[in-house]
Amino acid sequence: MTTDETSLGATIRAWRDRLSPAAVGLPAGRVRRAAGLRREELADLAGVSVDYVVRLEQGRATTPSAQVAAALARALQLSRAERDHLYRLAGLQPPRDGLISDHIPPGMQRVLTRLGDAPVAVFAADWRLVWWNRSWAALLGSPSVVAPEERSLVRARFPVASDRRMIAAWPVVAENAEASDRAIVADLRRASARYPEDARLSELIRRTLDGNPRFAQLWHSGAVGSHAEDRKTIRHPTVGEITVDCDVLADSDTDLKIVIYTAAPGSEDETKLDLTRVAGVTTAAPDQT
């Protein structure tokens, strides 16, 4: 093999070529020259510009940030070993064991693509949003306009004075807000025991304890548990109020959480959910589940 064939750009191109549109939930569309993803499709999935993907593949950009490397690994549906190889090619240290992972395994990626048109998102163990589909963005607003560290359910539900996160243009109201808040705090406490050396988690807990009395009160109650299903009312700016069931599926190995919104079949709420997809993605970004 030549050096060029083992470079970061060549490797990204090879991974892109092997991934079909169907594998990431995209329609095949018009006739393609190759079976793999187009550059613009990879760029859209990873949340980067097409020009940046071009520069990476051509070797004109060789040092993506850890954030971009993680996004590319998710978009390309890399295994853990492949993700680590991507990091090393980018001159980065792969994420250490024992820390919260934002990486979505290929098997989970395949499950996500089979959930159809339901609004779906994936959160890490500290409730940072790491992936969402188009239906989620159409219903709640595109999270891409918010900085990655601000795509946090904890920061949205328990803000502190220094937060500059985007304010939701319409609220997401839990049927039982008290139980929902307690579940989030309890789940975060459980994560703190599993990932005691994770700096991102420790800083999130510290800043929220110091800056949000409600969070501090719930934290000091000492409850330990996990997030459960709930009902929400979403006030969408175009179609009005939509009542949905919110189910949370947790992966025991990674502590990733798949959050799914559904409405009763044949109901007015199901029709409204369909209308949000027709209306398209909005710019507001309420990081709520």
C-alpha atoms as a PDB file:
ATOM      1  CA  MET A   1       0.000   0.000   0.000  1.00  0.00           C
ATOM      2  CA  THR A   2       1.182   3.520  -0.689  1.00  0.00           C
ATOM      3  CA  THR A   3       1.176   6.177   1.969  1.00  0.00           C
ATOM      4  CA  ASP A   4      -1.606   7.970   0.133  1.00  0.00           C
ATOM      5  CA  GLU A   5      -3.848   4.919   0.290  1.00  0.00           C
ATOM      6  CA  THR A   6      -3.539   4.810   4.089  1.00  0.00           C
ATOM      7  CA  SER A   7      -4.024   8.550   4.639  1.00  0.00           C
ATOM      8  CA  LEU A   8      -6.903  10.132   6.524  1.00  0.00           C
ATOM      9  CA  GLY A   9      -8.539  11.364   3.331  1.00  0.00           C
ATOM     10  CA  ALA A  10      -8.285   8.056   1.490  1.00  0.00           C
ATOM     11  CA  THR A  11      -9.637   6.185   4.505  1.00  0.00           C
ATOM     12  CA  ILE A  12     -12.623   8.512   4.894  1.00  0.00           C
ATOM     13  CA  ARG A  13     -13.335   8.148   1.177  1.00  0.00           C
ATOM     14  CA  ALA A  14     -13.212   4.338   1.450  1.00  0.00           C
ATOM     15  CA  TRP A  15     -15.603   4.343   4.389  1.00  0.00           C
ATOM     16  CA  ARG A  16     -17.951   6.717   2.543  1.00  0.00           C
ATOM     17  CA  ASP A  17     -17.919   4.524  -0.561  1.00  0.00           C
ATOM     18  CA  ARG A  18     -18.916   1.424   1.373  1.00  0.00           C
ATOM     19  CA  LEU A  19     -21.930   3.017   3.107  1.00  0.00           C
ATOM     20  CA  SER A  20     -25.177   2.869   1.161  1.00  0.00           C
ATOM     21  CA  PRO A  21     -27.883   5.549   1.370  1.00  0.00           C
ATOM     22  CA  ALA A  22     -30.308   2.932   2.709  1.00  0.00           C
ATOM     23  CA  ALA A  23     -27.952   2.212   5.614  1.00  0.00           C
ATOM     24  CA  VAL A  24     -28.332   5.789   6.851  1.00  0.00           C
ATOM     25  CA  GLY A  25     -32.035   6.072   6.098  1.00  0.00           C
ATOM     26  CA  LEU A  26     -31.717   8.043   2.854  1.00  0.00           C
ATOM     27  CA  PRO A  27     -33.675   7.274  -0.315  1.00  0.00           C
ATOM     28  CA  ALA A  28     -31.614   5.951  -3.209  1.00  0.00           C
ATOM     29  CA  GLY A  29     -32.844   8.805  -5.413  1.00  0.00           C
ATOM     30  CA  ARG A  30     -31.635   9.167  -8.953  1.00  0.00           C
ATOM     31  CA  VAL A  31     -29.173   6.803 -10.602  1.00  0.00           C
ATOM     32  CA  ARG A  32     -25.789   6.931  -8.870  1.00  0.00           C
ATOM     33  CA  ARG A  33     -22.335   6.481 -10.269  1.00  0.00           C
ATOM     34  CA  ALA A  34     -21.346   4.543  -7.133  1.00  0.00           C
ATOM     35  CA  ALA A  35     -23.194   2.697  -4.399  1.00  0.00           C
ATOM     36  CA  GLY A  36     -21.794   4.746  -1.511  1.00  0.00           C
ATOM     37  CA  LEU A  37     -22.736   8.083   0.019  1.00  0.00           C
ATOM     38  CA  ARG A  38     -22.167  11.331  -1.801  1.00  0.00           C
ATOM     39  CA  ARG A  39     -19.900  13.888  -0.173  1.00  0.00           C
ATOM     40  CA  GLU A  40     -22.814  16.223   0.453  1.00  0.00           C
ATOM     41  CA  GLU A  41     -24.711  13.438   2.179  1.00  0.00           C
ATOM     42  CA  LEU A  42     -21.790  12.689   4.489  1.00  0.00           C
ATOM     43  CA  ALA A  43     -21.409  16.399   5.187  1.00  0.00           C
ATOM     44  CA  ASP A  44     -25.087  16.692   6.095  1.00  0.00           C
ATOM     45  CA  LEU A  45     -24.963  13.644   8.382  1.00  0.00           C
ATOM     46  CA  ALA A  46     -21.813  14.856  10.133  1.00  0.00           C
ATOM     47  CA  GLY A  47     -22.896  18.480  10.397  1.00  0.00           C
ATOM     48  CA  VAL A  48     -19.907  19.871   8.491  1.00  0.00           C
ATOM     49  CA  SER A  49     -19.598  21.698   5.181  1.00  0.00           C
ATOM     50  CA  VAL A  50     -19.235  19.864   1.883  1.00  0.00           C
ATOM     51  CA  ASP A  51     -16.096  21.896   1.237  1.00  0.00           C
ATOM     52  CA  TYR A  52     -14.558  20.569   4.439  1.00  0.00           C
ATOM     53  CA  VAL A  53     -15.293  16.964   3.442  1.00  0.00           C
ATOM     54  CA  VAL A  54     -13.655  17.665   0.073  1.00  0.00           C
ATOM     55  CA  ARG A  55     -10.569  19.127   1.742  1.00  0.00           C
ATOM     56  CA  LEU A  56     -10.335  16.154   4.118  1.00  0.00           C
ATOM     57  CA  GLU A  57     -10.536  13.633   1.299  1.00  0.00           C
ATOM     58  CA  GLN A  58      -8.048  15.555  -0.831  1.00  0.00           C
ATOM     59  CA  GLY A  59      -5.580  15.804   2.044  1.00  0.00           C
ATOM     60  CA  ARG A  60      -5.802  19.593   2.263  1.00  0.00           C
ATOM     61  CA  ALA A  61      -7.282  19.290   5.778  1.00  0.00           C
ATOM     62  CA  THR A  62      -5.587  16.703   7.991  1.00  0.00           C
ATOM     63  CA  THR A  63      -6.289  17.709  11.593  1.00  0.00           C
ATOM     64  CA  PRO A  64     -10.026  17.678  12.309  1.00  0.00           C
ATOM     65  CA  SER A  65     -11.028  18.436  15.883  1.00  0.00           C
ATOM     66  CA  ALA A  66     -12.138  15.677  18.242  1.00  0.00           C
ATOM     67  CA  GLN A  67     -15.692  16.964  17.830  1.00  0.00           C
ATOM     68  CA  VAL A  68     -15.540  16.632  14.035  1.00  0.00           C
ATOM     69  CA  ALA A  69     -13.843  13.228  14.268  1.00  0.00           C
ATOM     70  CA  ALA A  70     -16.626  11.986  16.538  1.00  0.00           C
ATOM     71  CA  ALA A  71     -19.280  13.342  14.147  1.00  0.00           C
ATOM     72  CA  LEU A  72     -17.612  11.666  11.167  1.00  0.00           C
ATOM     73  CA  ALA A  73     -17.363   8.367  13.049  1.00  0.00           C
ATOM     74  CA  ARG A  74     -21.086   8.480  13.788  1.00  0.00           C
ATOM     75  CA  ALA A  75     -22.026   9.494  10.244  1.00  0.00           C
ATOM     76  CA  LEU A  76     -19.837   6.761   8.726  1.00  0.00           C
ATOM     77  CA  GLN A  77     -21.181   4.168  11.173  1.00  0.00           C
ATOM     78  CA  LEU A  78     -17.705   3.096  12.223  1.00  0.00           C
ATOM     79  CA  SER A  79     -17.006   0.305  14.659  1.00  0.00           C
ATOM     80  CA  ARG A  80     -15.141   1.203  17.819  1.00  0.00           C
ATOM     81  CA  ALA A  81     -11.833   0.003  16.344  1.00  0.00           C
ATOM     82  CA  GLU A  82     -12.451   2.019  13.178  1.00  0.00           C
ATOM     83  CA  ARG A  83     -13.350   5.090  15.217  1.00  0.00           C
ATOM     84  CA  ASP A  84     -10.084   4.790  17.144  1.00  0.00           C
ATOM     85  CA  HIS A  85      -8.194   4.444  13.840  1.00  0.00           C
ATOM     86  CA  LEU A  86      -9.868   7.619  12.548  1.00  0.00           C
ATOM     87  CA  TYR A  87      -8.776   9.500  15.661  1.00  0.00           C
ATOM     88  CA  ARG A  88      -5.176   8.327  15.282  1.00  0.00           C
ATOM     89  CA  LEU A  89      -5.067   9.288  11.601  1.00  0.00           C
ATOM     90  CA  ALA A  90      -6.264  12.737  12.667  1.00  0.00           C
ATOM     91  CA  GLY A  91      -3.472  12.987  15.243  1.00  0.00           C
ATOM     92  CA  LEU A  92      -5.908  12.605  18.135  1.00  0.00           C
ATOM     93  CA  GLN A  93      -5.991  10.292  21.120  1.00  0.00           C
ATOM     94  CA  PRO A  94      -9.001   7.932  20.924  1.00  0.00           C
ATOM     95  CA  PRO A  95     -11.511   8.292  23.774  1.00  0.00           C
ATOM     96  CA  ARG A  96     -10.357   6.367  26.839  1.00  0.00           C
ATOM     97  CA  ASP A  97     -12.300   3.539  28.421  1.00  0.00           C
ATOM     98  CA  GLY A  98     -14.261   4.569  31.468  1.00  0.00           C
ATOM     99  CA  LEU A  99     -15.359   7.876  29.962  1.00  0.00           C
ATOM    100  CA  ILE A 100     -18.767   8.791  28.569  1.00  0.00           C
ATOM    101  CA  SER A 101     -19.037   7.785  24.937  1.00  0.00           C
ATOM    102  CA  ASP A 102     -20.781   9.778  22.219  1.00  0.00           C
ATOM    103  CA  HIS A 103     -20.091   7.029  19.681  1.00  0.00           C
ATOM    104  CA  ILE A 104     -23.122   5.201  18.284  1.00  0.00           C
ATOM    105  CA  PRO A 105     -22.287   1.567  17.433  1.00  0.00           C
ATOM    106  CA  PRO A 106     -23.202   0.350  13.919  1.00  0.00           C
ATOM    107  CA  GLY A 107     -25.875  -1.979  15.290  1.00  0.00           C
ATOM    108  CA  MET A 108     -27.646   0.888  17.024  1.00  0.00           C
ATOM    109  CA  GLN A 109     -27.321   2.953  13.840  1.00  0.00           C
ATOM    110  CA  ARG A 110     -29.163   0.223  11.940  1.00  0.00           C
ATOM    111  CA  VAL A 111     -31.921   0.190  14.560  1.00  0.00           C
ATOM    112  CA  LEU A 112     -32.289   3.969  14.271  1.00  0.00           C
ATOM    113  CA  THR A 113     -32.750   3.817  10.494  1.00  0.00           C
ATOM    114  CA  ARG A 114     -35.541   1.255  10.965  1.00  0.00           C
ATOM    115  CA  LEU A 115     -37.620   3.455  13.274  1.00  0.00           C
ATOM    116  CA  GLY A 116     -39.227   5.083  10.264  1.00  0.00           C
ATOM    117  CA  ASP A 117     -40.588   8.607  10.407  1.00  0.00           C
ATOM    118  CA  ALA A 118     -40.902   8.837  14.199  1.00  0.00           C
ATOM    119  CA  PRO A 119     -38.963  11.715  15.774  1.00  0.00           C
ATOM    120  CA  VAL A 120     -35.881  10.056  17.300  1.00  0.00           C
ATOM    121  CA  ALA A 121     -32.760  11.327  19.044  1.00  0.00           C
ATOM    122  CA  VAL A 122     -29.824   9.772  20.881  1.00  0.00           C
ATOM    123  CA  PHE A 123     -28.378  11.154  24.102  1.00  0.00           C
ATOM    124  CA  ALA A 124     -25.131  10.229  25.851  1.00  0.00           C
ATOM    125  CA  ALA A 125     -24.960   9.125  29.498  1.00  0.00           C
ATOM    126  CA  ASP A 126     -24.819  12.781  30.637  1.00  0.00           C
ATOM    127  CA  TRP A 127     -27.886  13.658  28.532  1.00  0.00           C
ATOM    128  CA  ARG A 128     -25.938  15.465  25.821  1.00  0.00           C
ATOM    129  CA  LEU A 129     -27.696  15.196  22.468  1.00  0.00           C
ATOM    130  CA  VAL A 130     -25.404  13.404  20.009  1.00  0.00           C
ATOM    131  CA  TRP A 131     -27.720  12.386  17.133  1.00  0.00           C
ATOM    132  CA  TRP A 132     -31.185  13.183  15.777  1.00  0.00           C
ATOM    133  CA  ASN A 133     -33.196  12.452  12.656  1.00  0.00           C
ATOM    134  CA  ARG A 134     -35.006  14.835  10.327  1.00  0.00           C
ATOM    135  CA  SER A 135     -38.362  14.222  11.996  1.00  0.00           C
ATOM    136  CA  TRP A 136     -36.905  15.257  15.363  1.00  0.00           C
ATOM    137  CA  ALA A 137     -35.563  18.488  13.845  1.00  0.00           C
ATOM    138  CA  ALA A 138     -38.894  19.168  12.110  1.00  0.00           C
ATOM    139  CA  LEU A 139     -40.778  18.730  15.379  1.00  0.00           C
ATOM    140  CA  LEU A 140     -38.439  20.468  17.825  1.00  0.00           C
ATOM    141  CA  GLY A 141     -36.138  22.600  15.712  1.00  0.00           C
ATOM    142  CA  SER A 142     -32.704  21.771  14.386  1.00  0.00           C
ATOM    143  CA  PRO A 143     -30.137  21.324  17.190  1.00  0.00           C
ATOM    144  CA  SER A 144     -27.386  22.061  14.653  1.00  0.00           C
ATOM    145  CA  VAL A 145     -27.745  25.792  15.368  1.00  0.00           C
ATOM    146  CA  VAL A 146     -26.691  25.198  18.995  1.00  0.00           C
ATOM    147  CA  ALA A 147     -23.095  24.492  20.083  1.00  0.00           C
ATOM    148  CA  PRO A 148     -22.528  20.782  20.908  1.00  0.00           C
ATOM    149  CA  GLU A 149     -21.887  21.434  24.612  1.00  0.00           C
ATOM    150  CA  GLU A 150     -25.203  23.289  24.828  1.00  0.00           C
ATOM    151  CA  ARG A 151     -27.215  20.411  23.355  1.00  0.00           C
ATOM    152  CA  SER A 152     -27.878  19.209  26.879  1.00  0.00           C
ATOM    153  CA  LEU A 153     -31.132  18.157  28.462  1.00  0.00           C
ATOM    154  CA  VAL A 154     -29.653  18.891  31.892  1.00  0.00           C
ATOM    155  CA  ARG A 155     -28.699  22.446  30.887  1.00  0.00           C
ATOM    156  CA  ALA A 156     -32.096  22.971  29.278  1.00  0.00           C
ATOM    157  CA  ARG A 157     -34.084  21.742  32.279  1.00  0.00           C
ATOM    158  CA  PHE A 158     -31.792  23.170  34.958  1.00  0.00           C
ATOM    159  CA  PRO A 159     -30.203  26.329  33.492  1.00  0.00           C
ATOM    160  CA  VAL A 160     -27.688  28.464  35.365  1.00  0.00           C
ATOM    161  CA  ALA A 161     -27.137  32.193  35.052  1.00  0.00           C
ATOM    162  CA  SER A 162     -24.120  31.843  32.749  1.00  0.00           C
ATOM    163  CA  ASP A 163     -25.931  29.679  30.190  1.00  0.00           C
ATOM    164  CA  ARG A 164     -26.290  31.189  26.734  1.00  0.00           C
ATOM    165  CA  ARG A 165     -28.161  28.293  25.198  1.00  0.00           C
ATOM    166  CA  MET A 166     -30.800  29.039  22.598  1.00  0.00           C
ATOM    167  CA  ILE A 167     -34.209  29.581  24.187  1.00  0.00           C
ATOM    168  CA  ALA A 168     -36.955  27.395  22.778  1.00  0.00           C
ATOM    169  CA  ALA A 169     -39.421  29.181  20.535  1.00  0.00           C
ATOM    170  CA  TRP A 170     -42.169  26.932  21.905  1.00  0.00           C
ATOM    171  CA  PRO A 171     -42.276  24.819  25.061  1.00  0.00           C
ATOM    172  CA  VAL A 172     -42.189  21.064  25.491  1.00  0.00           C
ATOM    173  CA  VAL A 173     -44.315  20.361  28.538  1.00  0.00           C
ATOM    174  CA  ALA A 174     -44.060  17.089  30.451  1.00  0.00           C
ATOM    175  CA  GLU A 175     -47.285  15.631  31.793  1.00  0.00           C
ATOM    176  CA  ASN A 176     -45.519  15.059  35.116  1.00  0.00           C
ATOM    177  CA  ALA A 177     -42.668  17.570  35.221  1.00  0.00           C
ATOM    178  CA  GLU A 178     -41.744  16.679  38.802  1.00  0.00           C
ATOM    179  CA  ALA A 179     -41.255  12.999  38.014  1.00  0.00           C
ATOM    180  CA  SER A 180     -39.393  13.847  34.817  1.00  0.00           C
ATOM    181  CA  ASP A 181     -36.968  16.175  36.628  1.00  0.00           C
ATOM    182  CA  ARG A 182     -36.360  13.625  39.377  1.00  0.00           C
ATOM    183  CA  ALA A 183     -35.663  10.931  36.789  1.00  0.00           C
ATOM    184  CA  ILE A 184     -33.095  13.101  35.002  1.00  0.00           C
ATOM    185  CA  VAL A 185     -31.245  13.931  38.229  1.00  0.00           C
ATOM    186  CA  ALA A 186     -31.354  10.325  39.423  1.00  0.00           C
ATOM    187  CA  ASP A 187     -30.078   9.105  36.086  1.00  0.00           C
ATOM    188  CA  LEU A 188     -27.238  11.632  36.216  1.00  0.00           C
ATOM    189  CA  ARG A 189     -26.287  10.424  39.701  1.00  0.00           C
ATOM    190  CA  ARG A 190     -26.103   6.869  38.377  1.00  0.00           C
ATOM    191  CA  ALA A 191     -23.829   8.036  35.553  1.00  0.00           C
ATOM    192  CA  SER A 192     -21.554   9.790  38.057  1.00  0.00           C
ATOM    193  CA  ALA A 193     -20.864   6.464  39.756  1.00  0.00           C
ATOM    194  CA  ARG A 194     -20.189   4.670  36.490  1.00  0.00           C
ATOM    195  CA  TYR A 195     -17.957   7.410  35.047  1.00  0.00           C
ATOM    196  CA  PRO A 196     -16.201   8.954  38.082  1.00  0.00           C
ATOM    197  CA  GLU A 197     -13.238  10.205  36.016  1.00  0.00           C
ATOM    198  CA  ASP A 198     -15.245  11.836  33.231  1.00  0.00           C
ATOM    199  CA  ALA A 199     -14.381  15.546  33.330  1.00  0.00           C
ATOM    200  CA  ARG A 200     -17.328  16.576  31.131  1.00  0.00           C
ATOM    201  CA  LEU A 201     -19.803  14.922  33.493  1.00  0.00           C
ATOM    202  CA  SER A 202     -18.103  16.224  36.639  1.00  0.00           C
ATOM    203  CA  GLU A 203     -18.134  19.794  35.334  1.00  0.00           C
ATOM    204  CA  LEU A 204     -21.794  19.527  34.324  1.00  0.00           C
ATOM    205  CA  ILE A 205     -22.782  18.336  37.808  1.00  0.00           C
ATOM    206  CA  ARG A 206     -20.594  20.946  39.551  1.00  0.00           C
ATOM    207  CA  ARG A 207     -21.874  23.926  37.576  1.00  0.00           C
ATOM    208  CA  THR A 208     -25.504  22.836  37.894  1.00  0.00           C
ATOM    209  CA  LEU A 209     -25.232  22.189  41.645  1.00  0.00           C
ATOM    210  CA  ASP A 210     -23.687  25.631  42.104  1.00  0.00           C
ATOM    211  CA  GLY A 211     -26.034  27.480  39.792  1.00  0.00           C
ATOM    212  CA  ASN A 212     -29.466  25.848  40.003  1.00  0.00           C
ATOM    213  CA  PRO A 213     -31.129  25.475  43.438  1.00  0.00           C
ATOM    214  CA  ARG A 214     -33.792  23.128  42.086  1.00  0.00           C
ATOM    215  CA  PHE A 215     -31.169  20.734  40.750  1.00  0.00           C
ATOM    216  CA  ALA A 216     -29.252  20.927  44.039  1.00  0.00           C
ATOM    217  CA  GLN A 217     -32.397  20.095  45.992  1.00  0.00           C
ATOM    218  CA  LEU A 218     -33.152  17.046  43.859  1.00  0.00           C
ATOM    219  CA  TRP A 219     -29.497  15.954  43.825  1.00  0.00           C
ATOM    220  CA  HIS A 220     -29.203  16.049  47.609  1.00  0.00           C
ATOM    221  CA  SER A 221     -32.341  13.913  47.935  1.00  0.00           C
ATOM    222  CA  GLY A 222     -30.056  11.061  46.853  1.00  0.00           C
ATOM    223  CA  ALA A 223     -32.365   9.248  44.460  1.00  0.00           C
ATOM    224  CA  VAL A 224     -30.764   6.844  41.979  1.00  0.00           C
ATOM    225  CA  GLY A 225     -32.618   5.574  38.931  1.00  0.00           C
ATOM    226  CA  SER A 226     -33.127   5.954  35.216  1.00  0.00           C
ATOM    227  CA  HIS A 227     -35.295   7.920  32.817  1.00  0.00           C
ATOM    228  CA  ALA A 228     -38.636   6.317  31.992  1.00  0.00           C
ATOM    229  CA  GLU A 229     -41.440   6.866  29.518  1.00  0.00           C
ATOM    230  CA  ASP A 230     -43.499  10.028  29.771  1.00  0.00           C
ATOM    231  CA  ARG A 231     -46.123  12.056  27.921  1.00  0.00           C
ATOM    232  CA  LYS A 232     -45.347  15.455  26.461  1.00  0.00           C
ATOM    233  CA  THR A 233     -47.297  18.291  24.935  1.00  0.00           C
ATOM    234  CA  ILE A 234     -45.332  20.058  22.205  1.00  0.00           C
ATOM    235  CA  ARG A 235     -46.467  23.499  21.078  1.00  0.00           C
ATOM    236  CA  HIS A 236     -45.351  23.592  17.488  1.00  0.00           C
ATOM    237  CA  PRO A 237     -45.369  27.027  15.816  1.00  0.00           C
ATOM    238  CA  THR A 238     -47.095  25.751  12.679  1.00  0.00           C
ATOM    239  CA  VAL A 239     -49.457  22.912  13.660  1.00  0.00           C
ATOM    240  CA  GLY A 240     -50.195  23.802  17.292  1.00  0.00           C
ATOM    241  CA  GLU A 241     -50.209  21.509  20.302  1.00  0.00           C
ATOM    242  CA  ILE A 242     -49.231  17.863  19.824  1.00  0.00           C
ATOM    243  CA  THR A 243     -49.468  15.273  22.594  1.00  0.00           C
ATOM    244  CA  VAL A 244     -46.942  12.483  22.243  1.00  0.00           C
ATOM    245  CA  ASP A 245     -45.672   9.500  24.182  1.00  0.00           C
ATOM    246  CA  CYS A 246     -41.964   9.725  24.988  1.00  0.00           C
ATOM    247  CA  ASP A 247     -40.154   6.411  25.344  1.00  0.00           C
ATOM    248  CA  VAL A 248     -36.500   6.057  26.343  1.00  0.00           C
ATOM    249  CA  LEU A 249     -34.536   2.966  25.338  1.00  0.00           C
ATOM    250  CA  ALA A 250     -31.159   2.627  27.097  1.00  0.00           C
ATOM    251  CA  ASP A 251     -28.152   0.635  25.914  1.00  0.00           C
ATOM    252  CA  SER A 252     -26.547  -1.055  28.910  1.00  0.00           C
ATOM    253  CA  ASP A 253     -23.063  -1.182  27.381  1.00  0.00           C
ATOM    254  CA  THR A 254     -22.707   2.471  26.341  1.00  0.00           C
ATOM    255  CA  ASP A 255     -25.456   4.132  28.437  1.00  0.00           C
ATOM    256  CA  LEU A 256     -26.654   5.817  25.250  1.00  0.00           C
ATOM    257  CA  LYS A 257     -30.357   6.609  25.339  1.00  0.00           C
ATOM    258  CA  ILE A 258     -32.665   6.465  22.335  1.00  0.00           C
ATOM    259  CA  VAL A 259     -35.585   8.877  22.797  1.00  0.00           C
ATOM    260  CA  ILE A 260     -38.637   8.266  20.609  1.00  0.00           C
ATOM    261  CA  TYR A 261     -41.793  10.356  20.227  1.00  0.00           C
ATOM    262  CA  THR A 262     -44.942   8.635  18.979  1.00  0.00           C
ATOM    263  CA  ALA A 263     -48.678   9.364  18.848  1.00  0.00           C
ATOM    264  CA  ALA A 264     -51.603   6.963  18.920  1.00  0.00           C
ATOM    265  CA  PRO A 265     -52.318   5.495  15.451  1.00  0.00           C
ATOM    266  CA  GLY A 266     -55.176   7.250  13.686  1.00  0.00           C
ATOM    267  CA  SER A 267     -55.265  10.095  16.206  1.00  0.00           C
ATOM    268  CA  GLU A 268     -55.295  13.828  15.492  1.00  0.00           C
ATOM    269  CA  ASP A 269     -51.866  14.002  17.160  1.00  0.00           C
ATOM    270  CA  GLU A 270     -50.461  11.486  14.682  1.00  0.00           C
ATOM    271  CA  THR A 271     -51.777  13.639  11.842  1.00  0.00           C
ATOM    272  CA  LYS A 272     -50.117  16.698  13.369  1.00  0.00           C
ATOM    273  CA  LEU A 273     -46.815  14.820  13.668  1.00  0.00           C
ATOM    274  CA  ASP A 274     -47.049  14.036   9.960  1.00  0.00           C
ATOM    275  CA  LEU A 275     -47.719  17.707   9.235  1.00  0.00           C
ATOM    276  CA  THR A 276     -44.544  18.786  11.054  1.00  0.00           C
ATOM    277  CA  ARG A 277     -42.517  16.696   8.611  1.00  0.00           C
ATOM    278  CA  VAL A 278     -44.294  18.381   5.718  1.00  0.00           C
ATOM    279  CA  ALA A 279     -43.632  21.799   7.257  1.00  0.00           C
ATOM    280  CA  GLY A 280     -39.940  20.982   7.421  1.00  0.00           C
ATOM    281  CA  VAL A 281     -37.108  21.810   9.790  1.00  0.00           C
ATOM    282  CA  THR A 282     -37.390  24.973  11.844  1.00  0.00           C
ATOM    283  CA  THR A 283     -34.570  27.016  13.321  1.00  0.00           C
ATOM    284  CA  ALA A 284     -35.568  26.884  16.974  1.00  0.00           C
ATOM    285  CA  ALA A 285     -33.788  24.277  19.071  1.00  0.00           C
ATOM    286  CA  PRO A 286     -35.504  23.275  22.323  1.00  0.00           C
ATOM    287  CA  ASP A 287     -33.247  20.579  23.816  1.00  0.00           C
ATOM    288  CA  GLN A 288     -36.048  18.816  25.662  1.00  0.00           C
ATOM    289  CA  THR A 289     -37.228  15.221  25.740  1.00  0.00           C
END
